């Protein structure tokens, strides 16, 4: 229990340190002026069970605001398309390549940060040897949450968690389902 408390304390201190630059550098961060976002995240994912798989991912993103954050309804709604290129470390190393259209719901937290929830379903090709992945072509429903923290008037630091499921949706008889916990960090430019 003591170790868990230390982890939460360390995480809280890290969050405070990351938020401090936003208070000064992100003073001109204006949700209402944003039309869209362009970002690049780096991710680490680990399989939840069955077989040990580690994923090291690059996730380029583009999105457009359907509802601007902090305006009429208080929350923002975006349509986002995210690519994924991953190196997979498993029984036989390999790669992943795919894309996911998503919806992102944003809630402003003060003037320099936004909390978001995002989710969608995409297509992916997984080319690595693992009992967790039976076929190369799979679907990837996923959901997650995170924070965009202002660094400059249009640039934000993004920290996020995502749960991703990968399976062939019953197209083939063998469908073991591959679940991952992903942790993302990156930069987002709001335009």
N, C-alpha and C. Protein backbone atom coordinates (compact mmCIF):
# COMPACT_ATOMS: atom_id res chain seq x y z
N UNK A 1 0.82 -1.19 0.00
CA UNK A 1 0.00 0.00 0.00
C UNK A 1 0.87 1.26 0.00
N UNK A 2 1.98 1.20 0.72
CA UNK A 2 2.88 2.33 0.79
C UNK A 2 3.48 2.63 -0.59
N UNK A 3 3.78 1.58 -1.36
CA UNK A 3 4.34 1.77 -2.71
C UNK A 3 3.32 2.47 -3.61
N UNK A 4 2.03 2.10 -3.48
CA UNK A 4 0.99 2.73 -4.29
C UNK A 4 0.89 4.21 -3.95
N UNK A 5 0.96 4.54 -2.66
CA UNK A 5 0.91 5.94 -2.24
C UNK A 5 2.08 6.74 -2.79
N UNK A 6 3.24 6.16 -2.81
CA UNK A 6 4.42 6.83 -3.36
C UNK A 6 4.26 7.07 -4.85
N UNK A 7 3.69 6.08 -5.55
CA UNK A 7 3.49 6.24 -6.99
C UNK A 7 2.52 7.39 -7.27
N UNK A 8 1.42 7.48 -6.50
CA UNK A 8 0.46 8.56 -6.70
C UNK A 8 1.08 9.91 -6.37
N UNK A 9 1.89 9.96 -5.33
CA UNK A 9 2.57 11.20 -4.96
C UNK A 9 3.52 11.63 -6.08
N UNK A 10 4.30 10.69 -6.59
CA UNK A 10 5.23 10.98 -7.68
C UNK A 10 4.48 11.44 -8.93
N UNK A 11 3.37 10.77 -9.25
CA UNK A 11 2.58 11.15 -10.42
C UNK A 11 1.98 12.54 -10.23
N UNK A 12 1.52 12.87 -9.05
CA UNK A 12 0.94 14.19 -8.77
C UNK A 12 2.01 15.28 -8.90
N UNK A 13 3.19 15.00 -8.37
CA UNK A 13 4.28 15.98 -8.47
C UNK A 13 4.68 16.20 -9.92
N UNK A 14 4.75 15.12 -10.71
CA UNK A 14 5.09 15.24 -12.12
C UNK A 14 4.03 16.05 -12.85
N UNK A 15 2.76 15.80 -12.57
CA UNK A 15 1.68 16.55 -13.21
C UNK A 15 1.77 18.03 -12.87
N UNK A 16 2.07 18.35 -11.61
CA UNK A 16 2.21 19.76 -11.21
C UNK A 16 3.38 20.42 -11.93
N UNK A 17 4.51 19.71 -12.03
CA UNK A 17 5.67 20.27 -12.72
C UNK A 17 5.40 20.49 -14.20
N UNK A 18 4.63 19.59 -14.81
CA UNK A 18 4.29 19.73 -16.23
C UNK A 18 3.30 20.86 -16.45
N UNK A 19 2.43 21.11 -15.48
CA UNK A 19 1.42 22.16 -15.62
C UNK A 19 2.02 23.55 -15.40
N UNK A 20 3.08 23.67 -14.61
CA UNK A 20 3.66 24.99 -14.32
C UNK A 20 4.08 25.76 -15.56
N UNK A 21 4.77 25.12 -16.53
CA UNK A 21 5.13 25.90 -17.73
C UNK A 21 3.90 26.44 -18.45
N UNK A 22 2.81 25.67 -18.45
CA UNK A 22 1.59 26.11 -19.11
C UNK A 22 1.02 27.38 -18.51
N UNK A 23 1.20 27.56 -17.21
CA UNK A 23 0.68 28.74 -16.54
C UNK A 23 1.37 29.99 -17.07
N UNK A 24 2.67 29.91 -17.36
CA UNK A 24 3.40 31.08 -17.84
C UNK A 24 3.51 31.10 -19.36
N UNK A 25 3.97 30.04 -19.98
CA UNK A 25 4.20 30.01 -21.42
C UNK A 25 2.91 29.99 -22.23
N UNK A 26 1.90 29.32 -21.71
CA UNK A 26 0.65 29.15 -22.45
C UNK A 26 -0.38 30.21 -22.17
N UNK A 27 0.05 31.39 -21.73
CA UNK A 27 -0.88 32.44 -21.33
C UNK A 27 -1.82 32.82 -22.48
N UNK A 28 -1.41 32.72 -23.72
CA UNK A 28 -2.25 33.08 -24.85
C UNK A 28 -3.03 31.91 -25.42
N UNK A 29 -3.03 30.77 -24.75
CA UNK A 29 -3.73 29.57 -25.19
C UNK A 29 -5.23 29.87 -25.21
N UNK A 30 -5.84 29.97 -26.39
CA UNK A 30 -7.23 30.38 -26.52
C UNK A 30 -8.03 29.30 -27.24
N UNK A 31 -8.78 28.51 -26.49
CA UNK A 31 -9.57 27.41 -27.06
C UNK A 31 -10.49 27.89 -28.18
N UNK A 32 -11.10 29.06 -27.98
CA UNK A 32 -12.09 29.57 -28.93
C UNK A 32 -11.53 29.89 -30.30
N UNK A 33 -10.23 30.09 -30.41
CA UNK A 33 -9.65 30.44 -31.71
C UNK A 33 -9.20 29.22 -32.50
N UNK A 34 -9.27 28.04 -31.91
CA UNK A 34 -8.78 26.84 -32.59
C UNK A 34 -9.80 26.31 -33.59
N UNK A 35 -9.31 25.94 -34.77
CA UNK A 35 -10.15 25.29 -35.79
C UNK A 35 -9.87 23.79 -35.86
N UNK A 36 -8.62 23.42 -35.50
CA UNK A 36 -8.23 22.02 -35.60
C UNK A 36 -6.93 21.76 -34.86
N UNK A 37 -6.42 20.56 -35.05
CA UNK A 37 -5.18 20.16 -34.39
C UNK A 37 -4.35 19.29 -35.31
N UNK A 38 -3.04 19.35 -35.09
CA UNK A 38 -2.08 18.53 -35.81
C UNK A 38 -1.08 18.07 -34.76
N UNK A 39 -0.87 16.78 -34.65
CA UNK A 39 -0.02 16.32 -33.57
C UNK A 39 0.80 15.08 -33.90
N UNK A 40 1.72 14.81 -33.01
CA UNK A 40 2.55 13.61 -33.10
C UNK A 40 2.72 13.08 -31.69
N UNK A 41 2.30 11.85 -31.50
CA UNK A 41 2.44 11.20 -30.21
C UNK A 41 3.38 10.00 -30.34
N UNK A 42 4.05 9.73 -29.24
CA UNK A 42 4.85 8.52 -29.12
C UNK A 42 4.14 7.65 -28.10
N UNK A 43 4.06 6.35 -28.36
CA UNK A 43 3.32 5.48 -27.46
C UNK A 43 4.08 4.23 -27.10
N UNK A 44 3.76 3.73 -25.92
CA UNK A 44 4.25 2.42 -25.48
C UNK A 44 3.03 1.61 -25.09
N UNK A 45 2.94 0.41 -25.63
CA UNK A 45 1.82 -0.47 -25.31
C UNK A 45 2.30 -1.83 -24.88
N UNK A 46 1.55 -2.43 -23.97
CA UNK A 46 1.87 -3.77 -23.48
C UNK A 46 0.59 -4.59 -23.48
N UNK A 47 0.70 -5.82 -23.97
CA UNK A 47 -0.46 -6.69 -24.00
C UNK A 47 -0.95 -6.97 -22.59
N UNK A 48 -2.26 -7.15 -22.45
CA UNK A 48 -2.84 -7.36 -21.13
C UNK A 48 -2.80 -8.80 -20.67
N UNK A 49 -2.76 -9.76 -21.60
CA UNK A 49 -2.73 -11.18 -21.22
C UNK A 49 -2.33 -12.04 -22.41
N UNK A 50 -2.42 -13.32 -22.25
CA UNK A 50 -2.11 -14.35 -23.25
C UNK A 50 -0.63 -14.43 -23.59
N UNK A 51 -0.11 -13.44 -24.28
CA UNK A 51 1.28 -13.47 -24.70
C UNK A 51 1.91 -12.12 -24.41
N UNK A 52 3.20 -12.12 -24.21
CA UNK A 52 3.90 -10.88 -23.93
C UNK A 52 4.24 -10.16 -25.24
N UNK A 53 3.63 -8.99 -25.43
CA UNK A 53 3.91 -8.16 -26.60
C UNK A 53 4.13 -6.74 -26.11
N UNK A 54 5.20 -6.13 -26.58
CA UNK A 54 5.50 -4.73 -26.29
C UNK A 54 5.49 -3.97 -27.61
N UNK A 55 4.77 -2.84 -27.64
CA UNK A 55 4.65 -2.03 -28.85
C UNK A 55 5.26 -0.65 -28.61
N UNK A 56 6.07 -0.18 -29.54
CA UNK A 56 6.67 1.14 -29.50
C UNK A 56 6.14 1.87 -30.73
N UNK A 57 5.30 2.88 -30.51
CA UNK A 57 4.50 3.44 -31.60
C UNK A 57 4.76 4.91 -31.87
N UNK A 58 4.56 5.27 -33.11
CA UNK A 58 4.56 6.64 -33.59
C UNK A 58 3.15 6.89 -34.13
N UNK A 59 2.48 7.95 -33.61
CA UNK A 59 1.08 8.19 -33.95
C UNK A 59 0.87 9.61 -34.47
N UNK A 60 0.97 9.83 -35.79
CA UNK A 60 0.65 11.15 -36.34
C UNK A 60 -0.86 11.35 -36.35
N UNK A 61 -1.30 12.60 -36.09
CA UNK A 61 -2.74 12.89 -35.97
C UNK A 61 -3.12 14.18 -36.68
N UNK A 62 -4.33 14.21 -37.16
CA UNK A 62 -4.93 15.43 -37.70
C UNK A 62 -6.38 15.44 -37.27
N UNK A 63 -6.85 16.62 -36.83
CA UNK A 63 -8.24 16.71 -36.41
C UNK A 63 -8.83 18.08 -36.69
N UNK A 64 -10.15 18.11 -36.70
CA UNK A 64 -10.89 19.36 -36.92
C UNK A 64 -11.98 19.46 -35.86
N UNK A 65 -12.13 20.67 -35.28
CA UNK A 65 -13.15 20.87 -34.25
C UNK A 65 -14.53 20.99 -34.89
N UNK A 66 -15.45 20.18 -34.42
CA UNK A 66 -16.85 20.28 -34.82
C UNK A 66 -17.56 21.26 -33.89
N UNK A 67 -17.20 21.22 -32.61
CA UNK A 67 -17.63 22.19 -31.60
C UNK A 67 -16.37 22.68 -30.91
N UNK A 68 -16.17 23.99 -30.85
CA UNK A 68 -14.96 24.53 -30.24
C UNK A 68 -15.03 24.42 -28.72
N UNK A 69 -13.92 24.05 -28.07
CA UNK A 69 -13.90 23.95 -26.60
C UNK A 69 -14.16 25.31 -25.95
N UNK A 70 -14.92 25.30 -24.85
CA UNK A 70 -15.17 26.51 -24.10
C UNK A 70 -16.17 27.46 -24.70
N UNK A 71 -16.81 27.10 -25.80
CA UNK A 71 -17.77 28.00 -26.44
C UNK A 71 -19.19 27.66 -25.99
N UNK A 72 -20.09 27.52 -26.90
CA UNK A 72 -21.52 27.41 -26.63
C UNK A 72 -21.87 26.36 -25.57
N UNK A 73 -21.37 25.15 -25.68
CA UNK A 73 -21.74 24.08 -24.76
C UNK A 73 -20.66 23.81 -23.70
N UNK A 74 -19.57 24.55 -23.73
CA UNK A 74 -18.49 24.36 -22.76
C UNK A 74 -17.49 23.30 -23.16
N UNK A 75 -17.94 22.25 -23.81
CA UNK A 75 -17.04 21.17 -24.23
C UNK A 75 -16.77 21.29 -25.72
N UNK A 76 -15.69 20.69 -26.15
CA UNK A 76 -15.36 20.67 -27.57
C UNK A 76 -15.53 19.26 -28.12
N UNK A 77 -15.83 19.18 -29.39
CA UNK A 77 -15.95 17.90 -30.07
C UNK A 77 -15.14 17.97 -31.35
N UNK A 78 -14.25 16.99 -31.54
CA UNK A 78 -13.38 16.96 -32.72
C UNK A 78 -13.53 15.64 -33.45
N UNK A 79 -13.31 15.70 -34.75
CA UNK A 79 -13.14 14.50 -35.55
C UNK A 79 -11.64 14.40 -35.81
N UNK A 80 -11.04 13.26 -35.47
CA UNK A 80 -9.60 13.07 -35.56
C UNK A 80 -9.30 11.80 -36.37
N UNK A 81 -8.27 11.87 -37.20
CA UNK A 81 -7.75 10.69 -37.89
C UNK A 81 -6.33 10.50 -37.38
N UNK A 82 -6.04 9.29 -36.90
CA UNK A 82 -4.74 8.99 -36.32
C UNK A 82 -4.12 7.81 -37.05
N UNK A 83 -2.88 7.96 -37.43
CA UNK A 83 -2.13 6.86 -38.01
C UNK A 83 -1.35 6.14 -36.92
N UNK A 84 -0.90 4.93 -37.20
CA UNK A 84 -0.06 4.21 -36.25
C UNK A 84 1.00 3.42 -37.01
N UNK A 85 2.23 3.59 -36.56
CA UNK A 85 3.36 2.80 -37.05
C UNK A 85 4.06 2.30 -35.79
N UNK A 86 4.08 0.99 -35.60
CA UNK A 86 4.65 0.42 -34.37
C UNK A 86 5.71 -0.62 -34.68
N UNK A 87 6.68 -0.68 -33.81
CA UNK A 87 7.63 -1.79 -33.79
C UNK A 87 7.15 -2.70 -32.67
N UNK A 88 7.01 -3.97 -32.96
CA UNK A 88 6.49 -4.93 -31.98
C UNK A 88 7.61 -5.85 -31.50
N UNK A 89 7.68 -5.99 -30.20
CA UNK A 89 8.63 -6.91 -29.57
C UNK A 89 7.80 -8.06 -29.00
N UNK A 90 7.91 -9.23 -29.62
CA UNK A 90 7.13 -10.40 -29.22
C UNK A 90 8.00 -11.64 -29.45
N UNK A 91 7.36 -12.80 -29.55
CA UNK A 91 8.11 -14.03 -29.83
C UNK A 91 8.90 -13.90 -31.12
N UNK A 92 8.28 -13.29 -32.10
CA UNK A 92 8.94 -12.93 -33.34
C UNK A 92 8.68 -11.45 -33.59
N UNK A 93 9.71 -10.63 -33.53
CA UNK A 93 9.53 -9.19 -33.66
C UNK A 93 8.96 -8.82 -35.02
N UNK A 94 8.32 -7.65 -35.10
CA UNK A 94 7.72 -7.21 -36.34
C UNK A 94 7.21 -5.80 -36.24
N UNK A 95 6.07 -5.54 -36.91
CA UNK A 95 5.55 -4.17 -36.96
C UNK A 95 4.04 -4.17 -37.04
N UNK A 96 3.47 -2.98 -36.85
CA UNK A 96 2.05 -2.69 -37.07
C UNK A 96 1.96 -1.45 -37.94
N UNK A 97 0.91 -1.39 -38.73
CA UNK A 97 0.67 -0.23 -39.58
C UNK A 97 -0.84 -0.10 -39.75
N UNK A 98 -1.38 1.10 -39.46
CA UNK A 98 -2.82 1.28 -39.61
C UNK A 98 -3.26 2.70 -39.38
N UNK A 99 -4.60 2.89 -39.32
CA UNK A 99 -5.17 4.20 -39.04
C UNK A 99 -6.50 4.03 -38.31
N UNK A 100 -6.89 5.09 -37.58
CA UNK A 100 -8.13 5.06 -36.82
C UNK A 100 -8.82 6.41 -36.88
N UNK A 101 -10.06 6.47 -37.39
CA UNK A 101 -10.86 7.68 -37.23
C UNK A 101 -11.47 7.67 -35.83
N UNK A 102 -11.50 8.85 -35.17
CA UNK A 102 -11.98 8.93 -33.79
C UNK A 102 -12.79 10.19 -33.57
N UNK A 103 -13.54 10.19 -32.48
CA UNK A 103 -14.17 11.38 -31.94
C UNK A 103 -13.46 11.72 -30.64
N UNK A 104 -13.22 13.02 -30.42
CA UNK A 104 -12.52 13.49 -29.23
C UNK A 104 -13.39 14.54 -28.55
N UNK A 105 -13.74 14.29 -27.30
CA UNK A 105 -14.52 15.21 -26.50
C UNK A 105 -13.58 15.92 -25.55
N UNK A 106 -13.50 17.26 -25.62
CA UNK A 106 -12.55 18.05 -24.83
C UNK A 106 -13.28 18.92 -23.81
N UNK A 107 -12.72 18.99 -22.60
CA UNK A 107 -13.28 19.83 -21.55
C UNK A 107 -12.17 20.75 -21.04
N UNK A 108 -12.30 22.07 -21.24
CA UNK A 108 -11.27 22.99 -20.76
C UNK A 108 -11.16 22.95 -19.23
N UNK A 109 -9.92 22.97 -18.74
CA UNK A 109 -9.63 23.04 -17.31
C UNK A 109 -8.87 24.34 -17.09
N UNK A 110 -9.54 25.38 -16.77
CA UNK A 110 -8.88 26.67 -16.65
C UNK A 110 -8.51 27.20 -18.03
N UNK A 111 -7.44 28.00 -18.07
CA UNK A 111 -7.04 28.61 -19.34
C UNK A 111 -5.91 27.88 -20.04
N UNK A 112 -5.25 26.93 -19.37
CA UNK A 112 -4.04 26.35 -19.96
C UNK A 112 -4.05 24.84 -20.08
N UNK A 113 -5.19 24.21 -19.93
CA UNK A 113 -5.22 22.75 -20.05
C UNK A 113 -6.60 22.28 -20.48
N UNK A 114 -6.64 21.14 -21.15
CA UNK A 114 -7.90 20.51 -21.53
C UNK A 114 -7.81 19.03 -21.18
N UNK A 115 -8.89 18.51 -20.60
CA UNK A 115 -9.05 17.08 -20.39
C UNK A 115 -9.81 16.56 -21.59
N UNK A 116 -9.46 15.37 -22.08
CA UNK A 116 -10.20 14.82 -23.22
C UNK A 116 -10.45 13.33 -23.05
N UNK A 117 -11.50 12.91 -23.71
CA UNK A 117 -11.84 11.49 -23.86
C UNK A 117 -11.94 11.28 -25.37
N UNK A 118 -11.32 10.21 -25.87
CA UNK A 118 -11.38 9.96 -27.31
C UNK A 118 -11.55 8.47 -27.56
N UNK A 119 -12.18 8.17 -28.68
CA UNK A 119 -12.37 6.77 -29.03
C UNK A 119 -12.78 6.61 -30.47
N UNK A 120 -12.56 5.43 -30.99
CA UNK A 120 -12.91 5.14 -32.37
C UNK A 120 -12.54 3.70 -32.70
N UNK A 121 -12.65 3.38 -33.97
CA UNK A 121 -12.30 2.04 -34.44
C UNK A 121 -11.61 2.16 -35.78
N UNK A 122 -10.52 1.44 -35.94
CA UNK A 122 -9.75 1.55 -37.17
C UNK A 122 -9.36 0.20 -37.73
N UNK A 123 -8.47 0.26 -38.70
CA UNK A 123 -7.94 -0.93 -39.37
C UNK A 123 -6.44 -0.98 -39.13
N UNK A 124 -5.91 -2.20 -38.99
CA UNK A 124 -4.48 -2.34 -38.74
C UNK A 124 -3.97 -3.63 -39.36
N UNK A 125 -2.74 -3.60 -39.83
CA UNK A 125 -2.07 -4.83 -40.23
C UNK A 125 -0.99 -5.08 -39.19
N UNK A 126 -0.98 -6.27 -38.63
CA UNK A 126 -0.03 -6.64 -37.60
C UNK A 126 0.83 -7.77 -38.13
N UNK A 127 2.11 -7.51 -38.23
CA UNK A 127 3.02 -8.48 -38.80
C UNK A 127 4.11 -8.84 -37.79
N UNK A 128 3.75 -9.65 -36.82
CA UNK A 128 4.71 -10.18 -35.85
C UNK A 128 4.18 -11.50 -35.33
N UNK A 129 5.09 -12.34 -34.88
CA UNK A 129 4.75 -13.69 -34.46
C UNK A 129 4.40 -13.69 -32.98
N UNK A 130 3.12 -13.97 -32.69
CA UNK A 130 2.63 -14.06 -31.32
C UNK A 130 1.32 -14.84 -31.33
N UNK A 131 1.09 -15.67 -30.31
CA UNK A 131 -0.20 -16.36 -30.22
C UNK A 131 -1.37 -15.40 -30.03
N UNK A 132 -1.08 -14.16 -29.62
CA UNK A 132 -2.13 -13.16 -29.41
C UNK A 132 -2.69 -12.63 -30.72
N UNK A 133 -1.96 -12.77 -31.81
CA UNK A 133 -2.38 -12.23 -33.11
C UNK A 133 -2.41 -13.37 -34.12
N UNK A 134 -3.61 -13.74 -34.52
CA UNK A 134 -3.76 -14.88 -35.43
C UNK A 134 -3.64 -14.47 -36.90
N UNK A 135 -4.06 -13.25 -37.23
CA UNK A 135 -4.09 -12.82 -38.62
C UNK A 135 -3.49 -11.43 -38.78
N UNK A 136 -3.04 -11.12 -39.96
CA UNK A 136 -2.40 -9.84 -40.22
C UNK A 136 -3.40 -8.69 -40.31
N UNK A 137 -4.64 -8.94 -40.76
CA UNK A 137 -5.65 -7.89 -40.91
C UNK A 137 -6.58 -7.91 -39.72
N UNK A 138 -6.67 -6.77 -39.01
CA UNK A 138 -7.52 -6.69 -37.82
C UNK A 138 -8.19 -5.33 -37.71
N UNK A 139 -9.23 -5.30 -36.87
CA UNK A 139 -9.92 -4.07 -36.51
C UNK A 139 -9.45 -3.66 -35.12
N UNK A 140 -9.45 -2.35 -34.84
CA UNK A 140 -8.92 -1.86 -33.57
C UNK A 140 -9.86 -0.86 -32.89
N UNK A 141 -10.93 -1.33 -32.25
CA UNK A 141 -11.70 -0.40 -31.42
C UNK A 141 -10.86 0.01 -30.21
N UNK A 142 -10.94 1.29 -29.84
CA UNK A 142 -10.11 1.80 -28.75
C UNK A 142 -10.75 3.00 -28.08
N UNK A 143 -10.41 3.21 -26.82
CA UNK A 143 -10.93 4.34 -26.07
C UNK A 143 -9.87 4.78 -25.06
N UNK A 144 -9.81 6.08 -24.80
CA UNK A 144 -8.81 6.57 -23.86
C UNK A 144 -9.12 7.97 -23.38
N UNK A 145 -8.24 8.49 -22.53
CA UNK A 145 -8.40 9.82 -21.96
C UNK A 145 -7.02 10.42 -21.74
N UNK A 146 -6.99 11.74 -21.61
CA UNK A 146 -5.71 12.40 -21.37
C UNK A 146 -5.85 13.89 -21.19
N UNK A 147 -4.71 14.58 -21.26
CA UNK A 147 -4.66 16.01 -21.06
C UNK A 147 -3.82 16.67 -22.15
N UNK A 148 -4.29 17.83 -22.61
CA UNK A 148 -3.49 18.73 -23.45
C UNK A 148 -3.12 19.90 -22.55
N UNK A 149 -1.83 20.10 -22.31
CA UNK A 149 -1.34 21.14 -21.41
C UNK A 149 -0.60 22.18 -22.24
N UNK A 150 -1.00 23.45 -22.12
CA UNK A 150 -0.42 24.52 -22.93
C UNK A 150 1.06 24.72 -22.63
N UNK A 151 1.86 24.76 -23.69
CA UNK A 151 3.27 25.11 -23.59
C UNK A 151 3.51 26.49 -24.18
N UNK A 152 2.77 26.79 -25.25
CA UNK A 152 2.85 28.07 -25.96
C UNK A 152 1.43 28.39 -26.39
N UNK A 153 1.17 29.57 -26.96
CA UNK A 153 -0.20 29.92 -27.33
C UNK A 153 -0.92 28.92 -28.23
N UNK A 154 -0.21 28.15 -29.06
CA UNK A 154 -0.86 27.17 -29.94
C UNK A 154 -0.26 25.77 -29.83
N UNK A 155 0.65 25.58 -28.90
CA UNK A 155 1.33 24.28 -28.77
C UNK A 155 1.04 23.68 -27.41
N UNK A 156 0.65 22.40 -27.42
CA UNK A 156 0.35 21.72 -26.16
C UNK A 156 1.11 20.42 -26.01
N UNK A 157 1.41 20.09 -24.77
CA UNK A 157 1.98 18.80 -24.42
C UNK A 157 0.80 17.87 -24.18
N UNK A 158 0.81 16.71 -24.80
CA UNK A 158 -0.28 15.75 -24.65
C UNK A 158 0.21 14.53 -23.89
N UNK A 159 -0.53 14.16 -22.85
CA UNK A 159 -0.29 12.95 -22.07
C UNK A 159 -1.60 12.18 -22.06
N UNK A 160 -1.55 10.87 -22.38
CA UNK A 160 -2.80 10.12 -22.51
C UNK A 160 -2.60 8.64 -22.20
N UNK A 161 -3.73 8.00 -21.89
CA UNK A 161 -3.81 6.55 -21.73
C UNK A 161 -4.87 6.07 -22.71
N UNK A 162 -4.64 4.88 -23.27
CA UNK A 162 -5.64 4.30 -24.17
C UNK A 162 -5.67 2.78 -24.02
N UNK A 163 -6.88 2.23 -24.06
CA UNK A 163 -7.07 0.78 -24.11
C UNK A 163 -7.44 0.45 -25.55
N UNK A 164 -6.72 -0.52 -26.14
CA UNK A 164 -6.98 -0.90 -27.54
C UNK A 164 -7.22 -2.39 -27.64
N UNK A 165 -8.27 -2.74 -28.34
CA UNK A 165 -8.61 -4.13 -28.64
C UNK A 165 -8.29 -4.35 -30.12
N UNK A 166 -7.75 -5.51 -30.44
CA UNK A 166 -7.43 -5.82 -31.82
C UNK A 166 -7.91 -7.23 -32.12
N UNK A 167 -8.77 -7.37 -33.12
CA UNK A 167 -9.24 -8.70 -33.53
C UNK A 167 -9.76 -8.62 -34.96
N UNK A 168 -10.06 -9.78 -35.54
CA UNK A 168 -10.55 -9.79 -36.91
C UNK A 168 -12.08 -9.77 -36.99
N UNK A 169 -12.75 -9.53 -35.85
CA UNK A 169 -14.21 -9.39 -35.78
C UNK A 169 -14.95 -10.62 -36.30
N UNK A 170 -14.35 -11.78 -36.14
CA UNK A 170 -15.01 -13.03 -36.55
C UNK A 170 -14.96 -13.32 -38.03
N UNK A 171 -14.12 -12.61 -38.79
CA UNK A 171 -13.99 -12.88 -40.22
C UNK A 171 -13.35 -14.25 -40.46
N UNK A 172 -12.53 -14.69 -39.53
CA UNK A 172 -11.87 -15.99 -39.63
C UNK A 172 -12.26 -16.82 -38.41
N UNK A 173 -12.12 -18.13 -38.51
CA UNK A 173 -12.47 -19.01 -37.39
C UNK A 173 -11.60 -18.74 -36.17
N UNK A 174 -10.32 -18.50 -36.39
CA UNK A 174 -9.41 -18.22 -35.29
C UNK A 174 -9.38 -16.71 -35.04
N UNK A 175 -9.76 -16.30 -33.82
CA UNK A 175 -9.86 -14.88 -33.48
C UNK A 175 -9.50 -14.70 -32.00
N UNK A 176 -8.20 -14.74 -31.64
CA UNK A 176 -7.82 -14.75 -30.23
C UNK A 176 -8.04 -13.41 -29.50
N UNK A 177 -8.16 -12.31 -30.17
CA UNK A 177 -8.31 -10.97 -29.57
C UNK A 177 -7.05 -10.58 -28.81
N UNK A 178 -6.55 -9.41 -29.12
CA UNK A 178 -5.30 -8.90 -28.58
C UNK A 178 -5.59 -7.54 -27.95
N UNK A 179 -5.46 -7.45 -26.63
CA UNK A 179 -5.74 -6.22 -25.90
C UNK A 179 -4.45 -5.59 -25.40
N UNK A 180 -4.38 -4.26 -25.47
CA UNK A 180 -3.18 -3.52 -25.04
C UNK A 180 -3.55 -2.31 -24.20
N UNK A 181 -2.71 -2.03 -23.21
CA UNK A 181 -2.74 -0.77 -22.49
C UNK A 181 -1.66 0.10 -23.11
N UNK A 182 -2.04 1.29 -23.58
CA UNK A 182 -1.11 2.21 -24.23
C UNK A 182 -0.95 3.47 -23.41
N UNK A 183 0.28 3.97 -23.36
CA UNK A 183 0.58 5.26 -22.73
C UNK A 183 1.19 6.14 -23.81
N UNK A 184 0.62 7.34 -23.99
CA UNK A 184 1.04 8.25 -25.04
C UNK A 184 1.61 9.54 -24.46
N UNK A 185 2.56 10.10 -25.16
CA UNK A 185 3.08 11.41 -24.87
C UNK A 185 3.47 12.06 -26.18
N UNK A 186 3.23 13.36 -26.32
CA UNK A 186 3.58 14.01 -27.56
C UNK A 186 3.25 15.48 -27.56
N UNK A 187 3.30 16.07 -28.76
CA UNK A 187 3.01 17.48 -28.93
C UNK A 187 1.83 17.64 -29.87
N UNK A 188 0.99 18.64 -29.58
CA UNK A 188 -0.16 18.95 -30.44
C UNK A 188 -0.13 20.43 -30.78
N UNK A 189 -0.21 20.72 -32.06
CA UNK A 189 -0.28 22.10 -32.52
C UNK A 189 -1.73 22.39 -32.86
N UNK A 190 -2.30 23.42 -32.24
CA UNK A 190 -3.69 23.82 -32.49
C UNK A 190 -3.67 25.00 -33.46
N UNK A 191 -4.47 24.91 -34.51
CA UNK A 191 -4.49 25.99 -35.52
C UNK A 191 -5.90 26.54 -35.68
